[in-house]
Amino acid sequence: QVQLVESGGGLVQAGGSLSLSCAASGIIFSSDVMGWYRQAPGKQRELVATITSRARTNYADSAKGRFTISRDNAKNTVNLRMNSLKPEDTAVYYCNVERVGPFGMNYWGKGTLVTVSS
C-alpha cells in the first residue's frame, strides 16, 4: 500500500551535517504520522523524530536542538536535517509512516546508513 525509499545517508565527520530524505509512494492520509527511526548495531530501533501533516513535531531527547524534521504533503516526502552529528548518531535510519487503525499499522523503508566518524 505504502512504499518508502530513503536517501542521503553516508559518511560524515563528527560535528558535521547531513540531510536525509524519504519519498513515499501510494496514498498518504492527512492523519498519517511520518517520521524517522534509527537502529545502531546491538541496539533497539528508536524514535528520532515524527511529524504530522499539520507540521506538529516530536523529537527524541537526543535529537532535540540538533535535528530538524520537515514534511511536504504535496510531494509525500519527509526530510531530516541533522546537524552537530556525533559518533553515537551512527545507525541505519529508517523512514516510517504510522497509520491510525486497530493494529497501529506501520510502514517502513529499507533504511539508509549514516556513519559519523570521530
C-alpha atoms as a PDB file:
ATOM      1  CA  GLN A   1       0.000   0.000   0.000  1.00  0.00           C
ATOM      2  CA  VAL A   2       2.739   2.419   1.000  1.00  0.00           C
ATOM      3  CA  GLN A   3       6.333   2.203  -0.167  1.00  0.00           C
ATOM      4  CA  LEU A   4       9.092   4.294   1.354  1.00  0.00           C
ATOM      5  CA  VAL A   5      12.539   4.970  -0.058  1.00  0.00           C
ATOM      6  CA  GLU A   6      15.228   6.712   1.967  1.00  0.00           C
ATOM      7  CA  SER A   7      18.222   8.542   0.594  1.00  0.00           C
ATOM      8  CA  GLY A   8      21.019  10.788   1.783  1.00  0.00           C
ATOM      9  CA  GLY A   9      22.939   8.545   4.118  1.00  0.00           C
ATOM     10  CA  GLY A  10      26.691   8.436   4.098  1.00  0.00           C
ATOM     11  CA  LEU A  11      29.887   9.111   5.974  1.00  0.00           C
ATOM     12  CA  VAL A  12      30.354  12.369   7.831  1.00  0.00           C
ATOM     13  CA  GLN A  13      32.789  13.657  10.430  1.00  0.00           C
ATOM     14  CA  ALA A  14      31.683  14.469  13.948  1.00  0.00           C
ATOM     15  CA  GLY A  15      30.274  17.969  14.110  1.00  0.00           C
ATOM     16  CA  GLY A  16      29.167  17.847  10.513  1.00  0.00           C
ATOM     17  CA  SER A  17      25.733  17.838   8.955  1.00  0.00           C
ATOM     18  CA  LEU A  18      23.720  15.533   6.770  1.00  0.00           C
ATOM     19  CA  SER A  19      20.241  15.593   5.278  1.00  0.00           C
ATOM     20  CA  LEU A  20      18.088  12.537   4.786  1.00  0.00           C
ATOM     21  CA  SER A  21      15.096  12.319   2.517  1.00  0.00           C
ATOM     22  CA  CYS A  22      12.240   9.864   2.270  1.00  0.00           C
ATOM     23  CA  ALA A  23       9.933   9.562  -0.700  1.00  0.00           C
ATOM     24  CA  ALA A  24       6.600   7.858  -0.204  1.00  0.00           C
ATOM     25  CA  SER A  25       4.532   6.242  -2.905  1.00  0.00           C
ATOM     26  CA  GLY A  26       0.939   5.216  -2.537  1.00  0.00           C
ATOM     27  CA  ILE A  27      -1.701   7.055  -0.588  1.00  0.00           C
ATOM     28  CA  ILE A  28      -0.637   9.100   2.401  1.00  0.00           C
ATOM     29  CA  PHE A  29      -3.504  10.291   4.539  1.00  0.00           C
ATOM     30  CA  SER A  30      -3.571  13.552   6.395  1.00  0.00           C
ATOM     31  CA  SER A  31      -3.902  11.562   9.602  1.00  0.00           C
ATOM     32  CA  ASP A  32      -0.711   9.605   8.908  1.00  0.00           C
ATOM     33  CA  VAL A  33       2.280  10.436  11.022  1.00  0.00           C
ATOM     34  CA  MET A  34       5.609  10.324   9.216  1.00  0.00           C
ATOM     35  CA  GLY A  35       8.928  10.052  10.920  1.00  0.00           C
ATOM     36  CA  TRP A  36      12.433   8.785  11.262  1.00  0.00           C
ATOM     37  CA  TYR A  37      13.758   5.989  13.424  1.00  0.00           C
ATOM     38  CA  ARG A  38      17.233   4.594  13.752  1.00  0.00           C
ATOM     39  CA  GLN A  39      18.910   1.404  14.815  1.00  0.00           C
ATOM     40  CA  ALA A  40      22.519   1.111  15.855  1.00  0.00           C
ATOM     41  CA  PRO A  41      24.327  -2.243  15.990  1.00  0.00           C
ATOM     42  CA  GLY A  42      23.261  -4.254  19.009  1.00  0.00           C
ATOM     43  CA  LYS A  43      20.566  -1.781  19.971  1.00  0.00           C
ATOM     44  CA  GLN A  44      16.814  -1.490  19.659  1.00  0.00           C
ATOM     45  CA  ARG A  45      15.258   0.635  16.976  1.00  0.00           C
ATOM     46  CA  GLU A  46      14.441   4.013  18.445  1.00  0.00           C
ATOM     47  CA  LEU A  47      12.423   7.043  17.508  1.00  0.00           C
ATOM     48  CA  VAL A  48      14.305  10.052  16.221  1.00  0.00           C
ATOM     49  CA  ALA A  49      11.555  12.431  15.160  1.00  0.00           C
ATOM     50  CA  THR A  50       7.981  12.454  13.882  1.00  0.00           C
ATOM     51  CA  ILE A  51       5.824  14.982  12.112  1.00  0.00           C
ATOM     52  CA  THR A  52       2.141  15.279  11.285  1.00  0.00           C
ATOM     53  CA  SER A  53       0.609  16.719   8.143  1.00  0.00           C
ATOM     54  CA  ARG A  54      -0.043  19.879  10.152  1.00  0.00           C
ATOM     55  CA  ALA A  55       3.680  20.107  10.944  1.00  0.00           C
ATOM     56  CA  ARG A  56       3.384  19.157  14.578  1.00  0.00           C
ATOM     57  CA  THR A  57       6.715  17.618  15.544  1.00  0.00           C
ATOM     58  CA  ASN A  58       8.103  15.356  18.196  1.00  0.00           C
ATOM     59  CA  TYR A  59      11.779  14.700  18.831  1.00  0.00           C
ATOM     60  CA  ALA A  60      13.764  12.266  20.862  1.00  0.00           C
ATOM     61  CA  ASP A  61      15.778  13.989  23.559  1.00  0.00           C
ATOM     62  CA  SER A  62      18.963  13.007  21.764  1.00  0.00           C
ATOM     63  CA  ALA A  63      17.796  14.812  18.632  1.00  0.00           C
ATOM     64  CA  LYS A  64      16.382  17.984  20.133  1.00  0.00           C
ATOM     65  CA  GLY A  65      18.277  21.085  19.138  1.00  0.00           C
ATOM     66  CA  ARG A  66      20.321  19.259  16.525  1.00  0.00           C
ATOM     67  CA  PHE A  67      17.882  17.610  14.133  1.00  0.00           C
ATOM     68  CA  THR A  68      15.009  19.122  12.196  1.00  0.00           C
ATOM     69  CA  ILE A  69      12.234  17.122  10.592  1.00  0.00           C
ATOM     70  CA  SER A  70      10.112  18.529   7.797  1.00  0.00           C
ATOM     71  CA  ARG A  71       7.347  17.278   5.556  1.00  0.00           C
ATOM     72  CA  ASP A  72       5.996  18.185   2.154  1.00  0.00           C
ATOM     73  CA  ASN A  73       2.432  16.938   1.933  1.00  0.00           C
ATOM     74  CA  ALA A  74       2.108  17.679  -1.774  1.00  0.00           C
ATOM     75  CA  LYS A  75       5.204  15.660  -2.644  1.00  0.00           C
ATOM     76  CA  ASN A  76       4.752  12.977   0.012  1.00  0.00           C
ATOM     77  CA  THR A  77       8.256  13.440   1.293  1.00  0.00           C
ATOM     78  CA  VAL A  78       9.762  13.771   4.724  1.00  0.00           C
ATOM     79  CA  ASN A  79      13.243  15.078   5.425  1.00  0.00           C
ATOM     80  CA  LEU A  80      15.582  15.012   8.370  1.00  0.00           C
ATOM     81  CA  ARG A  81      18.273  17.640   8.685  1.00  0.00           C
ATOM     82  CA  MET A  82      20.959  16.523  11.095  1.00  0.00           C
ATOM     83  CA  ASN A  83      23.449  18.996  12.490  1.00  0.00           C
ATOM     84  CA  SER A  84      26.254  18.676  15.017  1.00  0.00           C
ATOM     85  CA  LEU A  85      26.479  14.973  14.400  1.00  0.00           C
ATOM     86  CA  LYS A  86      28.074  12.728  16.981  1.00  0.00           C
ATOM     87  CA  PRO A  87      29.576   9.259  16.657  1.00  0.00           C
ATOM     88  CA  GLU A  88      26.650   7.901  18.668  1.00  0.00           C
ATOM     89  CA  ASP A  89      24.346   9.017  15.854  1.00  0.00           C
ATOM     90  CA  THR A  90      25.808   6.251  13.718  1.00  0.00           C
ATOM     91  CA  ALA A  91      22.948   3.961  12.746  1.00  0.00           C
ATOM     92  CA  VAL A  92      20.690   2.814   9.980  1.00  0.00           C
ATOM     93  CA  TYR A  93      17.974   5.409   9.650  1.00  0.00           C
ATOM     94  CA  TYR A  94      14.501   4.283   8.656  1.00  0.00           C
ATOM     95  CA  CYS A  95      11.609   6.254   7.278  1.00  0.00           C
ATOM     96  CA  ASN A  96       8.276   5.445   8.848  1.00  0.00           C
ATOM     97  CA  VAL A  97       4.605   6.034   8.223  1.00  0.00           C
ATOM     98  CA  GLU A  98       2.229   5.332  11.083  1.00  0.00           C
ATOM     99  CA  ARG A  99      -1.375   4.790  10.077  1.00  0.00           C
ATOM    100  CA  VAL A 100      -4.226   5.015  12.516  1.00  0.00           C
ATOM    101  CA  GLY A 101      -6.027   1.707  12.910  1.00  0.00           C
ATOM    102  CA  PRO A 102      -6.798  -1.159  15.278  1.00  0.00           C
ATOM    103  CA  PHE A 103      -3.335  -2.659  14.743  1.00  0.00           C
ATOM    104  CA  GLY A 104      -1.341   0.543  14.771  1.00  0.00           C
ATOM    105  CA  MET A 105      -0.069  -0.201  11.280  1.00  0.00           C
ATOM    106  CA  ASN A 106       3.402   0.973  10.394  1.00  0.00           C
ATOM    107  CA  TYR A 107       5.202   1.118   7.062  1.00  0.00           C
ATOM    108  CA  TRP A 108       8.974   1.124   6.830  1.00  0.00           C
ATOM    109  CA  GLY A 109      11.625   1.911   4.309  1.00  0.00           C
ATOM    110  CA  LYS A 110      14.689  -0.270   3.880  1.00  0.00           C
ATOM    111  CA  GLY A 111      16.909   2.225   5.642  1.00  0.00           C
ATOM    112  CA  THR A 112      19.928   4.338   4.857  1.00  0.00           C
ATOM    113  CA  LEU A 113      23.208   4.100   6.727  1.00  0.00           C
ATOM    114  CA  VAL A 114      24.659   7.108   8.492  1.00  0.00           C
ATOM    115  CA  THR A 115      28.191   6.782   9.791  1.00  0.00           C
ATOM    116  CA  VAL A 116      29.714   9.521  11.918  1.00  0.00           C
ATOM    117  CA  SER A 117      33.451   9.347  12.395  1.00  0.00           C
ATOM    118  CA  SER A 118      35.236  10.749  15.424  1.00  0.00           C
END
